[in-house]
Amino acid sequence: MAKGVIDIFSAPPKPVTIPCRWERLKSLIGIEVKPDDAISVFKALELNVVAADASGCRVEIPTYRRDLEREVDLIEEYAR
């Protein structure tokens, strides 16, 4: 019988970056969205906005948020 802890986890997962386009956000939720407001919501959700411009932003997803995989997932988080 082995003693102690055996960890077979090779490496921790790396954060993923997902783009979010302002026009796509507007088209899916049906209202005009100010980029600064969307960025504020993402930050309040502890999502790191790593870049933003007139067309959209790039959001770094924490490793514990495995439910956020696509742009539509970010838009759903904003809509909530």
PDB file of N, CA and C in Angstrom:
ATOM      1  N   MET A   1       0.844  -1.180   0.000  1.00  0.00           N
ATOM      2  CA  MET A   1       0.000   0.000   0.000  1.00  0.00           C
ATOM      3  C   MET A   1       0.892   1.246   0.000  1.00  0.00           C
ATOM      4  N   ALA A   2       0.624   2.171  -0.892  1.00  0.00           N
ATOM      5  CA  ALA A   2       1.405   3.404  -0.996  1.00  0.00           C
ATOM      6  C   ALA A   2       1.015   4.371   0.105  1.00  0.00           C
ATOM      7  N   LYS A   3       1.993   5.114   0.580  1.00  0.00           N
ATOM      8  CA  LYS A   3       1.739   6.124   1.607  1.00  0.00           C
ATOM      9  C   LYS A   3       1.872   7.511   0.990  1.00  0.00           C
ATOM     10  N   GLY A   4       1.167   8.465   1.559  1.00  0.00           N
ATOM     11  CA  GLY A   4       1.264   9.830   1.093  1.00  0.00           C
ATOM     12  C   GLY A   4       0.279  10.126  -0.022  1.00  0.00           C
ATOM     13  N   VAL A   5       0.530  11.210  -0.706  1.00  0.00           N
ATOM     14  CA  VAL A   5      -0.344  11.673  -1.773  1.00  0.00           C
ATOM     15  C   VAL A   5       0.350  11.484  -3.118  1.00  0.00           C
ATOM     16  N   ILE A   6      -0.379  10.967  -4.055  1.00  0.00           N
ATOM     17  CA  ILE A   6       0.139  10.823  -5.416  1.00  0.00           C
ATOM     18  C   ILE A   6      -0.686  11.736  -6.311  1.00  0.00           C
ATOM     19  N   ASP A   7      -0.021  12.652  -6.980  1.00  0.00           N
ATOM     20  CA  ASP A   7      -0.695  13.612  -7.852  1.00  0.00           C
ATOM     21  C   ASP A   7      -0.295  13.328  -9.292  1.00  0.00           C
ATOM     22  N   ILE A   8      -1.250  12.934 -10.108  1.00  0.00           N
ATOM     23  CA  ILE A   8      -0.951  12.633 -11.515  1.00  0.00           C
ATOM     24  C   ILE A   8      -1.324  13.788 -12.443  1.00  0.00           C
ATOM     25  N   PHE A   9      -1.671  14.911 -11.871  1.00  0.00           N
ATOM     26  CA  PHE A   9      -2.023  16.105 -12.633  1.00  0.00           C
ATOM     27  C   PHE A   9      -0.754  16.666 -13.249  1.00  0.00           C
ATOM     28  N   SER A  10      -0.649  16.649 -14.561  1.00  0.00           N
ATOM     29  CA  SER A  10       0.594  17.017 -15.226  1.00  0.00           C
ATOM     30  C   SER A  10       0.923  18.505 -15.156  1.00  0.00           C
ATOM     31  N   ALA A  11      -0.050  19.361 -15.362  1.00  0.00           N
ATOM     32  CA  ALA A  11       0.182  20.807 -15.324  1.00  0.00           C
ATOM     33  C   ALA A  11      -1.153  21.509 -15.132  1.00  0.00           C
ATOM     34  N   PRO A  12      -1.135  22.638 -14.426  1.00  0.00           N
ATOM     35  CA  PRO A  12      -2.391  23.364 -14.252  1.00  0.00           C
ATOM     36  C   PRO A  12      -2.884  23.919 -15.588  1.00  0.00           C
ATOM     37  N   PRO A  13      -4.197  24.013 -15.753  1.00  0.00           N
ATOM     38  CA  PRO A  13      -4.710  24.569 -17.007  1.00  0.00           C
ATOM     39  C   PRO A  13      -4.338  26.043 -17.148  1.00  0.00           C
ATOM     40  N   LYS A  14      -4.137  26.463 -18.367  1.00  0.00           N
ATOM     41  CA  LYS A  14      -3.809  27.863 -18.628  1.00  0.00           C
ATOM     42  C   LYS A  14      -5.090  28.637 -18.898  1.00  0.00           C
ATOM     43  N   PRO A  15      -5.105  29.916 -18.514  1.00  0.00           N
ATOM     44  CA  PRO A  15      -6.288  30.730 -18.818  1.00  0.00           C
ATOM     45  C   PRO A  15      -6.496  30.844 -20.329  1.00  0.00           C
ATOM     46  N   VAL A  16      -7.742  30.967 -20.723  1.00  0.00           N
ATOM     47  CA  VAL A  16      -8.119  31.099 -22.122  1.00  0.00           C
ATOM     48  C   VAL A  16      -8.567  32.533 -22.356  1.00  0.00           C
ATOM     49  N   THR A  17      -8.285  33.065 -23.532  1.00  0.00           N
ATOM     50  CA  THR A  17      -8.746  34.408 -23.892  1.00  0.00           C
ATOM     51  C   THR A  17      -9.803  34.279 -24.976  1.00  0.00           C
ATOM     52  N   ILE A  18     -10.943  34.948 -24.743  1.00  0.00           N
ATOM     53  CA  ILE A  18     -12.070  34.882 -25.669  1.00  0.00           C
ATOM     54  C   ILE A  18     -12.389  36.292 -26.174  1.00  0.00           C
ATOM     55  N   PRO A  19     -12.573  36.453 -27.480  1.00  0.00           N
ATOM     56  CA  PRO A  19     -12.972  37.757 -28.009  1.00  0.00           C
ATOM     57  C   PRO A  19     -14.472  37.993 -27.803  1.00  0.00           C
ATOM     58  N   CYS A  20     -14.817  39.250 -27.624  1.00  0.00           N
ATOM     59  CA  CYS A  20     -16.227  39.641 -27.525  1.00  0.00           C
ATOM     60  C   CYS A  20     -16.414  40.881 -28.406  1.00  0.00           C
ATOM     61  N   ARG A  21     -17.233  40.745 -29.454  1.00  0.00           N
ATOM     62  CA  ARG A  21     -17.468  41.850 -30.393  1.00  0.00           C
ATOM     63  C   ARG A  21     -18.689  42.644 -29.932  1.00  0.00           C
ATOM     64  N   TRP A  22     -18.570  43.954 -29.938  1.00  0.00           N
ATOM     65  CA  TRP A  22     -19.673  44.816 -29.481  1.00  0.00           C
ATOM     66  C   TRP A  22     -20.912  44.626 -30.346  1.00  0.00           C
ATOM     67  N   GLU A  23     -20.753  44.502 -31.651  1.00  0.00           N
ATOM     68  CA  GLU A  23     -21.908  44.310 -32.541  1.00  0.00           C
ATOM     69  C   GLU A  23     -22.606  42.982 -32.266  1.00  0.00           C
ATOM     70  N   ARG A  24     -21.844  41.954 -31.998  1.00  0.00           N
ATOM     71  CA  ARG A  24     -22.425  40.641 -31.677  1.00  0.00           C
ATOM     72  C   ARG A  24     -23.170  40.705 -30.344  1.00  0.00           C
ATOM     73  N   LEU A  25     -22.598  41.395 -29.374  1.00  0.00           N
ATOM     74  CA  LEU A  25     -23.249  41.588 -28.075  1.00  0.00           C
ATOM     75  C   LEU A  25     -24.586  42.294 -28.257  1.00  0.00           C
ATOM     76  N   LYS A  26     -24.572  43.371 -29.047  1.00  0.00           N
ATOM     77  CA  LYS A  26     -25.799  44.125 -29.317  1.00  0.00           C
ATOM     78  C   LYS A  26     -26.827  43.264 -30.040  1.00  0.00           C
ATOM     79  N   SER A  27     -26.405  42.505 -31.029  1.00  0.00           N
ATOM     80  CA  SER A  27     -27.360  41.713 -31.810  1.00  0.00           C
ATOM     81  C   SER A  27     -27.998  40.591 -31.000  1.00  0.00           C
ATOM     82  N   LEU A  28     -27.263  40.022 -30.073  1.00  0.00           N
ATOM     83  CA  LEU A  28     -27.821  38.918 -29.291  1.00  0.00           C
ATOM     84  C   LEU A  28     -28.731  39.367 -28.156  1.00  0.00           C
ATOM     85  N   ILE A  29     -28.404  40.506 -27.524  1.00  0.00           N
ATOM     86  CA  ILE A  29     -29.271  40.926 -26.411  1.00  0.00           C
ATOM     87  C   ILE A  29     -30.302  41.974 -26.824  1.00  0.00           C
ATOM     88  N   GLY A  30     -30.130  42.542 -28.005  1.00  0.00           N
ATOM     89  CA  GLY A  30     -31.160  43.423 -28.549  1.00  0.00           C
ATOM     90  C   GLY A  30     -31.162  44.856 -28.066  1.00  0.00           C
ATOM     91  N   ILE A  31     -30.120  45.281 -27.369  1.00  0.00           N
ATOM     92  CA  ILE A  31     -30.037  46.673 -26.927  1.00  0.00           C
ATOM     93  C   ILE A  31     -28.629  47.202 -27.192  1.00  0.00           C
ATOM     94  N   GLU A  32     -28.525  48.515 -27.279  1.00  0.00           N
ATOM     95  CA  GLU A  32     -27.232  49.155 -27.456  1.00  0.00           C
ATOM     96  C   GLU A  32     -26.420  48.987 -26.171  1.00  0.00           C
ATOM     97  N   VAL A  33     -25.170  48.622 -26.326  1.00  0.00           N
ATOM     98  CA  VAL A  33     -24.287  48.407 -25.177  1.00  0.00           C
ATOM     99  C   VAL A  33     -23.083  49.321 -25.305  1.00  0.00           C
ATOM    100  N   LYS A  34     -22.831  50.077 -24.250  1.00  0.00           N
ATOM    101  CA  LYS A  34     -21.634  50.911 -24.233  1.00  0.00           C
ATOM    102  C   LYS A  34     -20.450  50.020 -23.876  1.00  0.00           C
ATOM    103  N   PRO A  35     -19.379  50.100 -24.640  1.00  0.00           N
ATOM    104  CA  PRO A  35     -18.212  49.269 -24.348  1.00  0.00           C
ATOM    105  C   PRO A  35     -17.721  49.391 -22.907  1.00  0.00           C
ATOM    106  N   ASP A  36     -17.700  50.603 -22.370  1.00  0.00           N
ATOM    107  CA  ASP A  36     -17.240  50.785 -20.990  1.00  0.00           C
ATOM    108  C   ASP A  36     -18.130  50.042 -19.996  1.00  0.00           C
ATOM    109  N   ASP A  37     -19.439  49.999 -20.275  1.00  0.00           N
ATOM    110  CA  ASP A  37     -20.358  49.269 -19.397  1.00  0.00           C
ATOM    111  C   ASP A  37     -20.093  47.767 -19.450  1.00  0.00           C
ATOM    112  N   ALA A  38     -19.882  47.243 -20.644  1.00  0.00           N
ATOM    113  CA  ALA A  38     -19.607  45.812 -20.786  1.00  0.00           C
ATOM    114  C   ALA A  38     -18.297  45.453 -20.089  1.00  0.00           C
ATOM    115  N   ILE A  39     -17.291  46.281 -20.258  1.00  0.00           N
ATOM    116  CA  ILE A  39     -16.005  46.034 -19.603  1.00  0.00           C
ATOM    117  C   ILE A  39     -16.174  46.054 -18.088  1.00  0.00           C
ATOM    118  N   SER A  40     -16.953  46.980 -17.583  1.00  0.00           N
ATOM    119  CA  SER A  40     -17.201  47.051 -16.133  1.00  0.00           C
ATOM    120  C   SER A  40     -17.887  45.790 -15.625  1.00  0.00           C
ATOM    121  N   VAL A  41     -18.843  45.288 -16.389  1.00  0.00           N
ATOM    122  CA  VAL A  41     -19.545  44.060 -15.993  1.00  0.00           C
ATOM    123  C   VAL A  41     -18.571  42.881 -15.984  1.00  0.00           C
ATOM    124  N   PHE A  42     -17.763  42.761 -17.013  1.00  0.00           N
ATOM    125  CA  PHE A  42     -16.790  41.663 -17.060  1.00  0.00           C
ATOM    126  C   PHE A  42     -15.831  41.733 -15.872  1.00  0.00           C
ATOM    127  N   LYS A  43     -15.357  42.934 -15.557  1.00  0.00           N
ATOM    128  CA  LYS A  43     -14.447  43.090 -14.427  1.00  0.00           C
ATOM    129  C   LYS A  43     -15.141  42.755 -13.112  1.00  0.00           C
ATOM    130  N   ALA A  44     -16.402  43.136 -12.973  1.00  0.00           N
ATOM    131  CA  ALA A  44     -17.157  42.812 -11.755  1.00  0.00           C
ATOM    132  C   ALA A  44     -17.326  41.300 -11.600  1.00  0.00           C
ATOM    133  N   LEU A  45     -17.326  40.585 -12.718  1.00  0.00           N
ATOM    134  CA  LEU A  45     -17.433  39.125 -12.700  1.00  0.00           C
ATOM    135  C   LEU A  45     -16.062  38.454 -12.550  1.00  0.00           C
ATOM    136  N   GLU A  46     -15.045  39.278 -12.257  1.00  0.00           N
ATOM    137  CA  GLU A  46     -13.674  38.809 -12.075  1.00  0.00           C
ATOM    138  C   GLU A  46     -13.088  38.205 -13.349  1.00  0.00           C
ATOM    139  N   LEU A  47     -13.475  38.783 -14.486  1.00  0.00           N
ATOM    140  CA  LEU A  47     -12.925  38.410 -15.781  1.00  0.00           C
ATOM    141  C   LEU A  47     -11.986  39.528 -16.203  1.00  0.00           C
ATOM    142  N   ASN A  48     -10.796  39.180 -16.597  1.00  0.00           N
ATOM    143  CA  ASN A  48      -9.775  40.161 -16.932  1.00  0.00           C
ATOM    144  C   ASN A  48      -9.880  40.575 -18.400  1.00  0.00           C
ATOM    145  N   VAL A  49     -10.197  41.837 -18.637  1.00  0.00           N
ATOM    146  CA  VAL A  49     -10.240  42.372 -20.001  1.00  0.00           C
ATOM    147  C   VAL A  49      -8.812  42.768 -20.365  1.00  0.00           C
ATOM    148  N   VAL A  50      -8.213  42.018 -21.274  1.00  0.00           N
ATOM    149  CA  VAL A  50      -6.801  42.237 -21.602  1.00  0.00           C
ATOM    150  C   VAL A  50      -6.596  43.228 -22.741  1.00  0.00           C
ATOM    151  N   ALA A  51      -7.630  43.465 -23.543  1.00  0.00           N
ATOM    152  CA  ALA A  51      -7.540  44.428 -24.639  1.00  0.00           C
ATOM    153  C   ALA A  51      -8.951  44.855 -25.025  1.00  0.00           C
ATOM    154  N   ALA A  52      -9.064  46.097 -25.471  1.00  0.00           N
ATOM    155  CA  ALA A  52     -10.360  46.602 -25.932  1.00  0.00           C
ATOM    156  C   ALA A  52     -10.124  47.677 -26.979  1.00  0.00           C
ATOM    157  N   ASP A  53     -11.027  47.704 -27.970  1.00  0.00           N
ATOM    158  CA  ASP A  53     -10.978  48.746 -28.982  1.00  0.00           C
ATOM    159  C   ASP A  53     -12.402  49.016 -29.460  1.00  0.00           C
ATOM    160  N   ALA A  54     -12.541  49.732 -30.543  1.00  0.00           N
ATOM    161  CA  ALA A  54     -13.865  50.129 -31.038  1.00  0.00           C
ATOM    162  C   ALA A  54     -14.709  48.948 -31.506  1.00  0.00           C
ATOM    163  N   SER A  55     -14.077  47.838 -31.855  1.00  0.00           N
ATOM    164  CA  SER A  55     -14.840  46.693 -32.365  1.00  0.00           C
ATOM    165  C   SER A  55     -15.171  45.644 -31.309  1.00  0.00           C
ATOM    166  N   GLY A  56     -14.432  45.625 -30.221  1.00  0.00           N
ATOM    167  CA  GLY A  56     -14.698  44.628 -29.189  1.00  0.00           C
ATOM    168  C   GLY A  56     -13.591  44.558 -28.165  1.00  0.00           C
ATOM    169  N   CYS A  57     -13.560  43.452 -27.438  1.00  0.00           N
ATOM    170  CA  CYS A  57     -12.531  43.266 -26.419  1.00  0.00           C
ATOM    171  C   CYS A  57     -12.101  41.808 -26.383  1.00  0.00           C
ATOM    172  N   ARG A  58     -11.019  41.565 -25.663  1.00  0.00           N
ATOM    173  CA  ARG A  58     -10.539  40.202 -25.422  1.00  0.00           C
ATOM    174  C   ARG A  58     -10.552  40.005 -23.915  1.00  0.00           C
ATOM    175  N   VAL A  59     -11.184  38.912 -23.493  1.00  0.00           N
ATOM    176  CA  VAL A  59     -11.384  38.659 -22.074  1.00  0.00           C
ATOM    177  C   VAL A  59     -10.651  37.378 -21.681  1.00  0.00           C
ATOM    178  N   GLU A  60      -9.809  37.492 -20.663  1.00  0.00           N
ATOM    179  CA  GLU A  60      -9.104  36.324 -20.146  1.00  0.00           C
ATOM    180  C   GLU A  60      -9.999  35.635 -19.124  1.00  0.00           C
ATOM    181  N   ILE A  61     -10.232  34.349 -19.351  1.00  0.00           N
ATOM    182  CA  ILE A  61     -11.141  33.573 -18.519  1.00  0.00           C
ATOM    183  C   ILE A  61     -10.334  32.844 -17.448  1.00  0.00           C
ATOM    184  N   PRO A  62     -10.697  33.018 -16.167  1.00  0.00           N
ATOM    185  CA  PRO A  62      -9.985  32.295 -15.115  1.00  0.00           C
ATOM    186  C   PRO A  62     -10.159  30.778 -15.280  1.00  0.00           C
ATOM    187  N   THR A  63      -9.191  30.039 -14.825  1.00  0.00           N
ATOM    188  CA  THR A  63      -9.232  28.592 -14.992  1.00  0.00           C
ATOM    189  C   THR A  63     -10.391  27.934 -14.244  1.00  0.00           C
ATOM    190  N   TYR A  64     -10.911  28.600 -13.220  1.00  0.00           N
ATOM    191  CA  TYR A  64     -12.035  28.019 -12.468  1.00  0.00           C
ATOM    192  C   TYR A  64     -13.381  28.244 -13.158  1.00  0.00           C
ATOM    193  N   ARG A  65     -13.421  29.018 -14.225  1.00  0.00           N
ATOM    194  CA  ARG A  65     -14.659  29.266 -14.969  1.00  0.00           C
ATOM    195  C   ARG A  65     -14.668  28.437 -16.253  1.00  0.00           C
ATOM    196  N   ARG A  66     -14.724  27.126 -16.107  1.00  0.00           N
ATOM    197  CA  ARG A  66     -14.712  26.223 -17.256  1.00  0.00           C
ATOM    198  C   ARG A  66     -15.993  26.316 -18.086  1.00  0.00           C
ATOM    199  N   ASP A  67     -17.016  26.995 -17.560  1.00  0.00           N
ATOM    200  CA  ASP A  67     -18.268  27.149 -18.292  1.00  0.00           C
ATOM    201  C   ASP A  67     -18.182  28.219 -19.375  1.00  0.00           C
ATOM    202  N   LEU A  68     -17.173  29.054 -19.350  1.00  0.00           N
ATOM    203  CA  LEU A  68     -17.017  30.116 -20.339  1.00  0.00           C
ATOM    204  C   LEU A  68     -16.033  29.662 -21.406  1.00  0.00           C
ATOM    205  N   GLU A  69     -16.573  29.282 -22.563  1.00  0.00           N
ATOM    206  CA  GLU A  69     -15.739  28.746 -23.627  1.00  0.00           C
ATOM    207  C   GLU A  69     -15.815  29.537 -24.929  1.00  0.00           C
ATOM    208  N   ARG A  70     -16.940  30.255 -25.144  1.00  0.00           N
ATOM    209  CA  ARG A  70     -17.162  30.927 -26.429  1.00  0.00           C
ATOM    210  C   ARG A  70     -17.652  32.353 -26.194  1.00  0.00           C
ATOM    211  N   GLU A  71     -17.658  33.117 -27.255  1.00  0.00           N
ATOM    212  CA  GLU A  71     -18.132  34.499 -27.178  1.00  0.00           C
ATOM    213  C   GLU A  71     -19.554  34.562 -26.639  1.00  0.00           C
ATOM    214  N   VAL A  72     -20.396  33.659 -27.078  1.00  0.00           N
ATOM    215  CA  VAL A  72     -21.793  33.666 -26.633  1.00  0.00           C
ATOM    216  C   VAL A  72     -21.898  33.443 -25.120  1.00  0.00           C
ATOM    217  N   ASP A  73     -20.956  32.714 -24.533  1.00  0.00           N
ATOM    218  CA  ASP A  73     -20.950  32.513 -23.083  1.00  0.00           C
ATOM    219  C   ASP A  73     -20.671  33.830 -22.358  1.00  0.00           C
ATOM    220  N   LEU A  74     -19.759  34.626 -22.896  1.00  0.00           N
ATOM    221  CA  LEU A  74     -19.484  35.951 -22.315  1.00  0.00           C
ATOM    222  C   LEU A  74     -20.705  36.854 -22.416  1.00  0.00           C
ATOM    223  N   ILE A  75     -21.374  36.801 -23.568  1.00  0.00           N
ATOM    224  CA  ILE A  75     -22.554  37.630 -23.776  1.00  0.00           C
ATOM    225  C   ILE A  75     -23.664  37.216 -22.813  1.00  0.00           C
ATOM    226  N   GLU A  76     -23.798  35.943 -22.569  1.00  0.00           N
ATOM    227  CA  GLU A  76     -24.784  35.470 -21.595  1.00  0.00           C
ATOM    228  C   GLU A  76     -24.458  35.990 -20.186  1.00  0.00           C
ATOM    229  N   GLU A  77     -23.187  35.985 -19.826  1.00  0.00           N
ATOM    230  CA  GLU A  77     -22.793  36.525 -18.525  1.00  0.00           C
ATOM    231  C   GLU A  77     -23.137  38.007 -18.427  1.00  0.00           C
ATOM    232  N   TYR A  78     -22.892  38.756 -19.485  1.00  0.00           N
ATOM    233  CA  TYR A  78     -23.244  40.178 -19.499  1.00  0.00           C
ATOM    234  C   TYR A  78     -24.754  40.356 -19.328  1.00  0.00           C
ATOM    235  N   ALA A  79     -25.527  39.572 -20.029  1.00  0.00           N
ATOM    236  CA  ALA A  79     -26.991  39.724 -20.009  1.00  0.00           C
ATOM    237  C   ALA A  79     -27.591  39.426 -18.639  1.00  0.00           C
ATOM    238  N   ARG A  80     -26.984  38.537 -17.900  1.00  0.00           N
ATOM    239  CA  ARG A  80     -27.495  38.227 -16.556  1.00  0.00           C
ATOM    240  C   ARG A  80     -27.410  39.421 -15.663  1.00  0.00           C
TER     241      ARG A  80
END
